[in-house]
Amino acid sequence: MLECAAPLLVGPGTGLNAEGIEHKTRVIERALALHAEQAGDPLHSLFCLGGFEIAALTGAYLACAQEGIVALVDGFICSVAALVAVRLNPSCRNWLLFGHRGAEPGHRHLLETLQAEPLLDLGLRLGEGSGAALAVPLVRLACELHNGMATFAEAAVADRPA
């Protein structure tokens, strides 16, 4: 679903050496070649290439959008699920907020494809929701500022000529 070759997407994760990265690249290339005929079908790609966690997240993002709930997307795997969700229903993109840009090269390509500018860019690669955990206070603060901000009229700000 990305217009990139596997070597451009694969990184060390949380500690692979060069040999591990090469192996991971070969595995991805074989899987993509095996399912190349239906590569444009996001549901088929999810079925053949995604894990249960990606399927569950995809469904959660679609359900959030359907209910008008913003979802905070964390990291590489969550962004893969977000891409599948957007390919299935492009309007769900409006309900996705991206917490951070990870250090993995594939994550950067995913964010570009999704036209997403994440809240944080700290080069994280820890997994376990660490990027979203860091972004939540920022989102809460933004909501508090928005909801507590006085209007110009309430703050008695006069219109002044420029």
N, C-alpha and C. Protein backbone atom coordinates (compact mmCIF):
# COMPACT_ATOMS: atom_id res chain seq x y z
N MET A 1 0.81 -1.20 0.00
CA MET A 1 0.00 0.00 0.00
C MET A 1 0.86 1.26 0.00
N LEU A 2 2.15 1.08 0.18
CA LEU A 2 3.08 2.20 0.04
C LEU A 2 3.83 2.02 -1.26
N GLU A 3 4.15 3.11 -1.88
CA GLU A 3 4.90 3.06 -3.14
C GLU A 3 6.40 3.11 -2.86
N CYS A 4 6.88 2.21 -2.03
CA CYS A 4 8.29 2.18 -1.64
C CYS A 4 8.79 0.74 -1.67
N ALA A 5 10.04 0.58 -2.00
CA ALA A 5 10.67 -0.73 -1.93
C ALA A 5 10.94 -1.09 -0.47
N ALA A 6 10.89 -2.37 -0.16
CA ALA A 6 11.08 -2.83 1.21
C ALA A 6 12.36 -2.31 1.87
N PRO A 7 13.50 -2.28 1.18
CA PRO A 7 14.72 -1.79 1.86
C PRO A 7 14.60 -0.35 2.35
N LEU A 8 13.72 0.44 1.74
CA LEU A 8 13.54 1.82 2.18
C LEU A 8 12.65 1.92 3.42
N LEU A 9 11.96 0.84 3.74
CA LEU A 9 11.02 0.85 4.85
C LEU A 9 11.55 0.19 6.12
N VAL A 10 12.52 -0.69 5.95
CA VAL A 10 12.97 -1.53 7.05
C VAL A 10 14.09 -0.85 7.84
N GLY A 11 13.96 -0.91 9.16
CA GLY A 11 14.98 -0.36 10.04
C GLY A 11 15.32 -1.35 11.13
N PRO A 12 16.14 -0.93 12.08
CA PRO A 12 16.61 -1.85 13.11
C PRO A 12 15.60 -2.14 14.22
N GLY A 13 14.47 -1.45 14.22
CA GLY A 13 13.53 -1.67 15.31
C GLY A 13 14.19 -1.33 16.62
N THR A 14 14.10 -2.26 17.56
CA THR A 14 14.70 -2.00 18.87
C THR A 14 16.07 -2.64 19.02
N GLY A 15 16.74 -2.94 17.89
CA GLY A 15 18.10 -3.41 18.04
C GLY A 15 18.62 -4.43 17.05
N LEU A 16 18.00 -4.60 15.90
CA LEU A 16 18.55 -5.53 14.90
C LEU A 16 19.87 -5.03 14.35
N ASN A 17 20.77 -5.96 14.09
CA ASN A 17 22.02 -5.61 13.42
C ASN A 17 21.78 -5.64 11.90
N ALA A 18 22.82 -5.38 11.12
CA ALA A 18 22.69 -5.32 9.66
C ALA A 18 22.16 -6.62 9.09
N GLU A 19 22.63 -7.75 9.61
CA GLU A 19 22.17 -9.05 9.13
C GLU A 19 20.68 -9.24 9.42
N GLY A 20 20.24 -8.82 10.59
CA GLY A 20 18.83 -8.91 10.94
C GLY A 20 17.96 -8.04 10.06
N ILE A 21 18.44 -6.85 9.75
CA ILE A 21 17.70 -5.94 8.86
C ILE A 21 17.59 -6.55 7.47
N GLU A 22 18.67 -7.14 6.97
CA GLU A 22 18.64 -7.78 5.66
C GLU A 22 17.65 -8.94 5.64
N HIS A 23 17.64 -9.74 6.69
CA HIS A 23 16.70 -10.86 6.78
C HIS A 23 15.26 -10.35 6.79
N LYS A 24 15.01 -9.34 7.61
CA LYS A 24 13.66 -8.77 7.68
C LYS A 24 13.24 -8.24 6.32
N THR A 25 14.13 -7.61 5.61
CA THR A 25 13.85 -7.08 4.27
C THR A 25 13.48 -8.20 3.31
N ARG A 26 14.25 -9.31 3.34
CA ARG A 26 13.96 -10.44 2.45
C ARG A 26 12.60 -11.06 2.75
N VAL A 27 12.27 -11.19 4.02
CA VAL A 27 10.97 -11.75 4.41
C VAL A 27 9.84 -10.87 3.88
N ILE A 28 9.98 -9.58 4.05
CA ILE A 28 8.95 -8.64 3.57
C ILE A 28 8.84 -8.70 2.05
N GLU A 29 9.97 -8.74 1.36
CA GLU A 29 9.94 -8.80 -0.10
C GLU A 29 9.26 -10.08 -0.59
N ARG A 30 9.54 -11.21 0.07
CA ARG A 30 8.88 -12.48 -0.32
C ARG A 30 7.38 -12.40 -0.08
N ALA A 31 6.98 -11.87 1.05
CA ALA A 31 5.55 -11.77 1.36
C ALA A 31 4.84 -10.86 0.36
N LEU A 32 5.45 -9.74 0.03
CA LEU A 32 4.85 -8.81 -0.94
C LEU A 32 4.77 -9.45 -2.32
N ALA A 33 5.80 -10.18 -2.72
CA ALA A 33 5.80 -10.84 -4.03
C ALA A 33 4.72 -11.92 -4.09
N LEU A 34 4.53 -12.64 -3.01
CA LEU A 34 3.53 -13.70 -2.95
C LEU A 34 2.12 -13.16 -3.13
N HIS A 35 1.88 -11.96 -2.67
CA HIS A 35 0.53 -11.37 -2.71
C HIS A 35 0.45 -10.16 -3.63
N ALA A 36 1.35 -10.07 -4.58
CA ALA A 36 1.44 -8.89 -5.46
C ALA A 36 0.20 -8.68 -6.32
N GLU A 37 -0.47 -9.75 -6.72
CA GLU A 37 -1.63 -9.62 -7.61
C GLU A 37 -2.74 -8.79 -6.99
N GLN A 38 -2.89 -8.87 -5.69
CA GLN A 38 -3.97 -8.14 -5.02
C GLN A 38 -3.43 -7.07 -4.08
N ALA A 39 -2.28 -6.53 -4.41
CA ALA A 39 -1.64 -5.54 -3.54
C ALA A 39 -2.47 -4.28 -3.35
N GLY A 40 -3.31 -3.95 -4.31
CA GLY A 40 -4.11 -2.73 -4.20
C GLY A 40 -5.35 -2.87 -3.33
N ASP A 41 -5.64 -4.07 -2.87
CA ASP A 41 -6.82 -4.32 -2.05
C ASP A 41 -6.43 -4.28 -0.58
N PRO A 42 -6.83 -3.23 0.15
CA PRO A 42 -6.38 -3.10 1.54
C PRO A 42 -6.86 -4.24 2.44
N LEU A 43 -8.06 -4.74 2.21
CA LEU A 43 -8.56 -5.83 3.04
C LEU A 43 -7.77 -7.11 2.79
N HIS A 44 -7.45 -7.36 1.51
CA HIS A 44 -6.63 -8.53 1.18
C HIS A 44 -5.23 -8.39 1.80
N SER A 45 -4.65 -7.21 1.70
CA SER A 45 -3.33 -6.97 2.30
C SER A 45 -3.37 -7.20 3.81
N LEU A 46 -4.42 -6.72 4.44
CA LEU A 46 -4.56 -6.91 5.89
C LEU A 46 -4.68 -8.39 6.21
N PHE A 47 -5.48 -9.11 5.45
CA PHE A 47 -5.71 -10.53 5.68
C PHE A 47 -4.42 -11.34 5.51
N CYS A 48 -3.65 -11.02 4.47
CA CYS A 48 -2.46 -11.81 4.14
C CYS A 48 -1.19 -11.36 4.85
N LEU A 49 -1.08 -10.09 5.16
CA LEU A 49 0.18 -9.55 5.65
C LEU A 49 0.10 -8.98 7.07
N GLY A 50 -1.08 -8.69 7.54
CA GLY A 50 -1.22 -8.06 8.85
C GLY A 50 -1.46 -9.06 9.95
N GLY A 51 -1.14 -8.67 11.15
CA GLY A 51 -1.42 -9.50 12.31
C GLY A 51 -2.75 -9.11 12.94
N PHE A 52 -3.15 -9.86 13.96
CA PHE A 52 -4.41 -9.56 14.64
C PHE A 52 -4.42 -8.16 15.23
N GLU A 53 -3.25 -7.70 15.72
CA GLU A 53 -3.19 -6.37 16.32
C GLU A 53 -3.47 -5.29 15.28
N ILE A 54 -2.97 -5.47 14.07
CA ILE A 54 -3.21 -4.49 13.01
C ILE A 54 -4.68 -4.52 12.60
N ALA A 55 -5.25 -5.72 12.52
CA ALA A 55 -6.68 -5.84 12.18
C ALA A 55 -7.55 -5.18 13.25
N ALA A 56 -7.23 -5.42 14.51
CA ALA A 56 -8.01 -4.83 15.60
C ALA A 56 -7.91 -3.31 15.60
N LEU A 57 -6.70 -2.80 15.41
CA LEU A 57 -6.52 -1.34 15.37
C LEU A 57 -7.23 -0.73 14.17
N THR A 58 -7.18 -1.40 13.02
CA THR A 58 -7.89 -0.90 11.84
C THR A 58 -9.37 -0.76 12.15
N GLY A 59 -9.95 -1.80 12.73
CA GLY A 59 -11.36 -1.75 13.11
C GLY A 59 -11.66 -0.67 14.12
N ALA A 60 -10.76 -0.49 15.08
CA ALA A 60 -10.96 0.55 16.09
C ALA A 60 -10.94 1.94 15.46
N TYR A 61 -10.01 2.18 14.54
CA TYR A 61 -9.94 3.49 13.88
C TYR A 61 -11.19 3.75 13.06
N LEU A 62 -11.67 2.74 12.35
CA LEU A 62 -12.89 2.90 11.56
C LEU A 62 -14.10 3.15 12.46
N ALA A 63 -14.18 2.42 13.57
CA ALA A 63 -15.29 2.60 14.51
C ALA A 63 -15.24 3.98 15.16
N CYS A 64 -14.06 4.44 15.53
CA CYS A 64 -13.93 5.78 16.11
C CYS A 64 -14.43 6.83 15.13
N ALA A 65 -14.01 6.72 13.89
CA ALA A 65 -14.44 7.70 12.88
C ALA A 65 -15.95 7.66 12.71
N GLN A 66 -16.50 6.47 12.69
CA GLN A 66 -17.95 6.33 12.52
C GLN A 66 -18.71 6.99 13.67
N GLU A 67 -18.13 6.95 14.86
CA GLU A 67 -18.77 7.53 16.04
C GLU A 67 -18.36 8.98 16.29
N GLY A 68 -17.48 9.53 15.45
CA GLY A 68 -17.04 10.91 15.62
C GLY A 68 -16.06 11.08 16.76
N ILE A 69 -15.25 10.07 17.01
CA ILE A 69 -14.27 10.10 18.09
C ILE A 69 -12.87 10.16 17.48
N VAL A 70 -12.07 11.09 17.96
CA VAL A 70 -10.69 11.20 17.48
C VAL A 70 -9.86 10.07 18.09
N ALA A 71 -9.05 9.43 17.27
CA ALA A 71 -8.15 8.38 17.74
C ALA A 71 -6.71 8.89 17.68
N LEU A 72 -5.97 8.64 18.73
CA LEU A 72 -4.55 9.01 18.78
C LEU A 72 -3.74 7.82 18.28
N VAL A 73 -3.06 8.00 17.16
CA VAL A 73 -2.29 6.93 16.51
C VAL A 73 -0.85 6.99 17.01
N ASP A 74 -0.36 5.85 17.48
CA ASP A 74 1.00 5.77 18.02
C ASP A 74 1.87 4.89 17.15
N GLY A 75 3.00 5.36 16.74
CA GLY A 75 4.05 4.54 16.16
C GLY A 75 3.78 3.83 14.85
N PHE A 76 4.72 2.97 14.49
CA PHE A 76 4.75 2.32 13.19
C PHE A 76 3.57 1.37 12.97
N ILE A 77 3.40 0.40 13.86
CA ILE A 77 2.34 -0.59 13.67
C ILE A 77 0.97 0.08 13.68
N CYS A 78 0.76 1.01 14.58
CA CYS A 78 -0.52 1.73 14.63
C CYS A 78 -0.73 2.54 13.36
N SER A 79 0.33 3.07 12.80
CA SER A 79 0.22 3.83 11.55
C SER A 79 -0.07 2.93 10.36
N VAL A 80 0.45 1.69 10.39
CA VAL A 80 0.08 0.71 9.35
C VAL A 80 -1.42 0.48 9.39
N ALA A 81 -1.95 0.27 10.59
CA ALA A 81 -3.39 0.07 10.74
C ALA A 81 -4.17 1.30 10.29
N ALA A 82 -3.65 2.48 10.58
CA ALA A 82 -4.30 3.72 10.14
C ALA A 82 -4.34 3.79 8.62
N LEU A 83 -3.25 3.38 7.96
CA LEU A 83 -3.23 3.39 6.50
C LEU A 83 -4.27 2.43 5.93
N VAL A 84 -4.38 1.25 6.51
CA VAL A 84 -5.40 0.30 6.05
C VAL A 84 -6.78 0.91 6.24
N ALA A 85 -7.03 1.50 7.40
CA ALA A 85 -8.34 2.12 7.66
C ALA A 85 -8.65 3.22 6.66
N VAL A 86 -7.67 4.05 6.36
CA VAL A 86 -7.88 5.15 5.40
C VAL A 86 -8.09 4.61 4.00
N ARG A 87 -7.40 3.54 3.64
CA ARG A 87 -7.61 2.94 2.31
C ARG A 87 -9.01 2.33 2.21
N LEU A 88 -9.52 1.81 3.33
CA LEU A 88 -10.87 1.25 3.33
C LEU A 88 -11.93 2.34 3.35
N ASN A 89 -11.67 3.41 4.08
CA ASN A 89 -12.62 4.51 4.20
C ASN A 89 -11.84 5.82 4.35
N PRO A 90 -11.56 6.51 3.24
CA PRO A 90 -10.73 7.71 3.28
C PRO A 90 -11.22 8.78 4.26
N SER A 91 -12.52 8.85 4.53
CA SER A 91 -13.01 9.90 5.43
C SER A 91 -12.59 9.67 6.88
N CYS A 92 -12.14 8.48 7.21
CA CYS A 92 -11.71 8.25 8.59
C CYS A 92 -10.41 8.99 8.90
N ARG A 93 -9.68 9.42 7.87
CA ARG A 93 -8.42 10.16 8.09
C ARG A 93 -8.64 11.41 8.93
N ASN A 94 -9.81 12.03 8.76
CA ASN A 94 -10.12 13.26 9.51
C ASN A 94 -10.21 13.03 11.02
N TRP A 95 -10.31 11.79 11.44
CA TRP A 95 -10.48 11.47 12.85
C TRP A 95 -9.22 10.89 13.48
N LEU A 96 -8.11 10.93 12.74
CA LEU A 96 -6.86 10.36 13.24
C LEU A 96 -5.88 11.47 13.59
N LEU A 97 -5.35 11.41 14.79
CA LEU A 97 -4.33 12.34 15.27
C LEU A 97 -3.08 11.51 15.54
N PHE A 98 -1.96 11.91 14.99
CA PHE A 98 -0.74 11.11 15.07
C PHE A 98 0.16 11.65 16.17
N GLY A 99 0.48 10.79 17.13
CA GLY A 99 1.20 11.20 18.32
C GLY A 99 2.66 11.54 18.10
N HIS A 100 3.35 10.74 17.26
CA HIS A 100 4.78 10.99 17.09
C HIS A 100 5.29 10.38 15.80
N ARG A 101 6.46 10.86 15.40
CA ARG A 101 7.17 10.29 14.25
C ARG A 101 8.31 9.45 14.83
N GLY A 102 8.26 8.15 14.57
CA GLY A 102 9.29 7.25 15.08
C GLY A 102 10.54 7.27 14.23
N ALA A 103 11.57 6.60 14.72
CA ALA A 103 12.86 6.57 14.04
C ALA A 103 12.89 5.59 12.86
N GLU A 104 11.96 4.65 12.82
CA GLU A 104 11.95 3.67 11.73
C GLU A 104 11.66 4.36 10.40
N PRO A 105 12.43 4.05 9.35
CA PRO A 105 12.21 4.69 8.05
C PRO A 105 10.80 4.46 7.51
N GLY A 106 10.25 3.28 7.75
CA GLY A 106 8.91 2.99 7.28
C GLY A 106 7.86 3.89 7.89
N HIS A 107 8.08 4.29 9.14
CA HIS A 107 7.10 5.16 9.79
C HIS A 107 7.04 6.53 9.11
N ARG A 108 8.18 7.02 8.72
CA ARG A 108 8.22 8.31 8.01
C ARG A 108 7.45 8.23 6.69
N HIS A 109 7.63 7.12 5.96
CA HIS A 109 6.91 6.95 4.69
C HIS A 109 5.40 6.82 4.93
N LEU A 110 5.02 6.12 5.97
CA LEU A 110 3.60 6.00 6.30
C LEU A 110 2.99 7.37 6.58
N LEU A 111 3.66 8.15 7.40
CA LEU A 111 3.14 9.48 7.74
C LEU A 111 3.03 10.37 6.51
N GLU A 112 4.02 10.30 5.63
CA GLU A 112 3.96 11.09 4.39
C GLU A 112 2.77 10.65 3.54
N THR A 113 2.58 9.34 3.41
CA THR A 113 1.48 8.82 2.61
C THR A 113 0.14 9.25 3.18
N LEU A 114 0.04 9.27 4.50
CA LEU A 114 -1.19 9.67 5.17
C LEU A 114 -1.32 11.19 5.30
N GLN A 115 -0.34 11.92 4.82
CA GLN A 115 -0.30 13.38 4.95
C GLN A 115 -0.52 13.79 6.40
N ALA A 116 0.24 13.14 7.27
CA ALA A 116 0.10 13.36 8.71
C ALA A 116 1.33 14.06 9.26
N GLU A 117 1.08 15.10 10.01
CA GLU A 117 2.15 15.79 10.72
C GLU A 117 1.98 15.45 12.20
N PRO A 118 2.84 14.62 12.75
CA PRO A 118 2.66 14.18 14.13
C PRO A 118 2.93 15.30 15.13
N LEU A 119 2.40 15.10 16.33
CA LEU A 119 2.58 16.09 17.39
C LEU A 119 4.03 16.17 17.86
N LEU A 120 4.72 15.04 17.89
CA LEU A 120 6.08 14.99 18.41
C LEU A 120 7.00 14.29 17.41
N ASP A 121 8.26 14.67 17.41
CA ASP A 121 9.27 14.02 16.57
C ASP A 121 10.51 13.83 17.43
N LEU A 122 10.52 12.74 18.18
CA LEU A 122 11.58 12.50 19.16
C LEU A 122 12.47 11.31 18.80
N GLY A 123 12.26 10.74 17.62
CA GLY A 123 13.08 9.61 17.21
C GLY A 123 12.87 8.36 18.05
N LEU A 124 11.67 8.18 18.57
CA LEU A 124 11.39 7.02 19.42
C LEU A 124 11.34 5.74 18.60
N ARG A 125 11.68 4.63 19.24
CA ARG A 125 11.52 3.31 18.63
C ARG A 125 11.26 2.27 19.72
N LEU A 126 10.67 2.71 20.81
CA LEU A 126 10.47 1.82 21.94
C LEU A 126 9.26 0.91 21.79
N GLY A 127 8.23 1.37 21.10
CA GLY A 127 6.99 0.62 21.07
C GLY A 127 6.23 0.82 22.37
N GLU A 128 5.31 -0.07 22.64
CA GLU A 128 4.56 -0.08 23.90
C GLU A 128 3.77 1.19 24.16
N GLY A 129 3.43 1.94 23.14
CA GLY A 129 2.60 3.12 23.32
C GLY A 129 3.32 4.31 23.90
N SER A 130 4.63 4.29 23.91
CA SER A 130 5.38 5.38 24.56
C SER A 130 5.15 6.72 23.87
N GLY A 131 5.04 6.75 22.55
CA GLY A 131 4.81 8.00 21.84
C GLY A 131 3.45 8.59 22.15
N ALA A 132 2.43 7.73 22.18
CA ALA A 132 1.08 8.20 22.51
C ALA A 132 1.03 8.68 23.95
N ALA A 133 1.71 7.96 24.84
CA ALA A 133 1.72 8.36 26.25
C ALA A 133 2.33 9.75 26.41
N LEU A 134 3.34 10.05 25.61
CA LEU A 134 3.94 11.39 25.66
C LEU A 134 3.04 12.44 25.02
N ALA A 135 2.26 12.05 24.02
CA ALA A 135 1.41 13.00 23.30
C ALA A 135 0.12 13.33 24.05
N VAL A 136 -0.37 12.43 24.89
CA VAL A 136 -1.65 12.64 25.57
C VAL A 136 -1.66 13.94 26.38
N PRO A 137 -0.66 14.25 27.21
CA PRO A 137 -0.70 15.53 27.94
C PRO A 137 -0.77 16.74 27.01
N LEU A 138 -0.11 16.66 25.87
CA LEU A 138 -0.15 17.76 24.90
C LEU A 138 -1.56 17.93 24.34
N VAL A 139 -2.21 16.82 24.03
CA VAL A 139 -3.59 16.87 23.52
C VAL A 139 -4.52 17.42 24.59
N ARG A 140 -4.36 16.96 25.82
CA ARG A 140 -5.21 17.46 26.92
C ARG A 140 -5.02 18.96 27.12
N LEU A 141 -3.79 19.41 27.09
CA LEU A 141 -3.51 20.84 27.25
C LEU A 141 -4.12 21.65 26.12
N ALA A 142 -4.00 21.16 24.90
CA ALA A 142 -4.60 21.86 23.75
C ALA A 142 -6.11 21.97 23.92
N CYS A 143 -6.75 20.91 24.40
CA CYS A 143 -8.20 20.95 24.62
C CYS A 143 -8.56 21.94 25.72
N GLU A 144 -7.78 21.94 26.80
CA GLU A 144 -8.04 22.89 27.89
C GLU A 144 -7.87 24.33 27.42
N LEU A 145 -6.82 24.59 26.66
CA LEU A 145 -6.62 25.94 26.13
C LEU A 145 -7.77 26.35 25.22
N HIS A 146 -8.16 25.46 24.35
CA HIS A 146 -9.26 25.77 23.42
C HIS A 146 -10.56 26.03 24.17
N ASN A 147 -10.88 25.15 25.10
CA ASN A 147 -12.15 25.27 25.83
C ASN A 147 -12.16 26.42 26.83
N GLY A 148 -10.99 26.81 27.33
CA GLY A 148 -10.93 27.88 28.32
C GLY A 148 -10.58 29.24 27.77
N MET A 149 -10.30 29.32 26.49
CA MET A 149 -9.88 30.58 25.88
C MET A 149 -11.08 31.53 25.74
N ALA A 150 -10.90 32.74 26.19
CA ALA A 150 -11.96 33.75 26.04
C ALA A 150 -12.02 34.22 24.59
N THR A 151 -13.22 34.56 24.16
CA THR A 151 -13.35 35.17 22.84
C THR A 151 -12.88 36.62 22.93
N PHE A 152 -12.69 37.27 21.79
CA PHE A 152 -12.30 38.68 21.81
C PHE A 152 -13.33 39.50 22.58
N ALA A 153 -14.60 39.20 22.38
CA ALA A 153 -15.66 39.95 23.07
C ALA A 153 -15.58 39.72 24.58
N GLU A 154 -15.41 38.47 24.99
CA GLU A 154 -15.32 38.15 26.42
C GLU A 154 -14.09 38.79 27.06
N ALA A 155 -13.02 38.91 26.31
CA ALA A 155 -11.78 39.49 26.84
C ALA A 155 -11.73 41.00 26.64
N ALA A 156 -12.79 41.57 26.09
CA ALA A 156 -12.88 43.01 25.84
C ALA A 156 -11.73 43.50 24.97
N VAL A 157 -11.41 42.71 23.96
CA VAL A 157 -10.39 43.11 22.99
C VAL A 157 -11.09 43.92 21.91
N ALA A 158 -10.69 45.16 21.76
CA ALA A 158 -11.33 46.04 20.77
C ALA A 158 -10.74 45.79 19.39
N ASP A 159 -11.59 45.95 18.39
CA ASP A 159 -11.09 45.89 17.01
C ASP A 159 -10.27 47.14 16.76
N ARG A 160 -9.04 46.97 16.33
CA ARG A 160 -8.17 48.10 16.05
C ARG A 160 -7.75 48.03 14.59
N PRO A 161 -7.68 49.19 13.95
CA PRO A 161 -7.19 49.16 12.56
C PRO A 161 -5.73 48.72 12.53
N ALA A 162 -5.37 48.05 11.46
CA ALA A 162 -4.00 47.55 11.33
C ALA A 162 -3.01 48.64 11.07
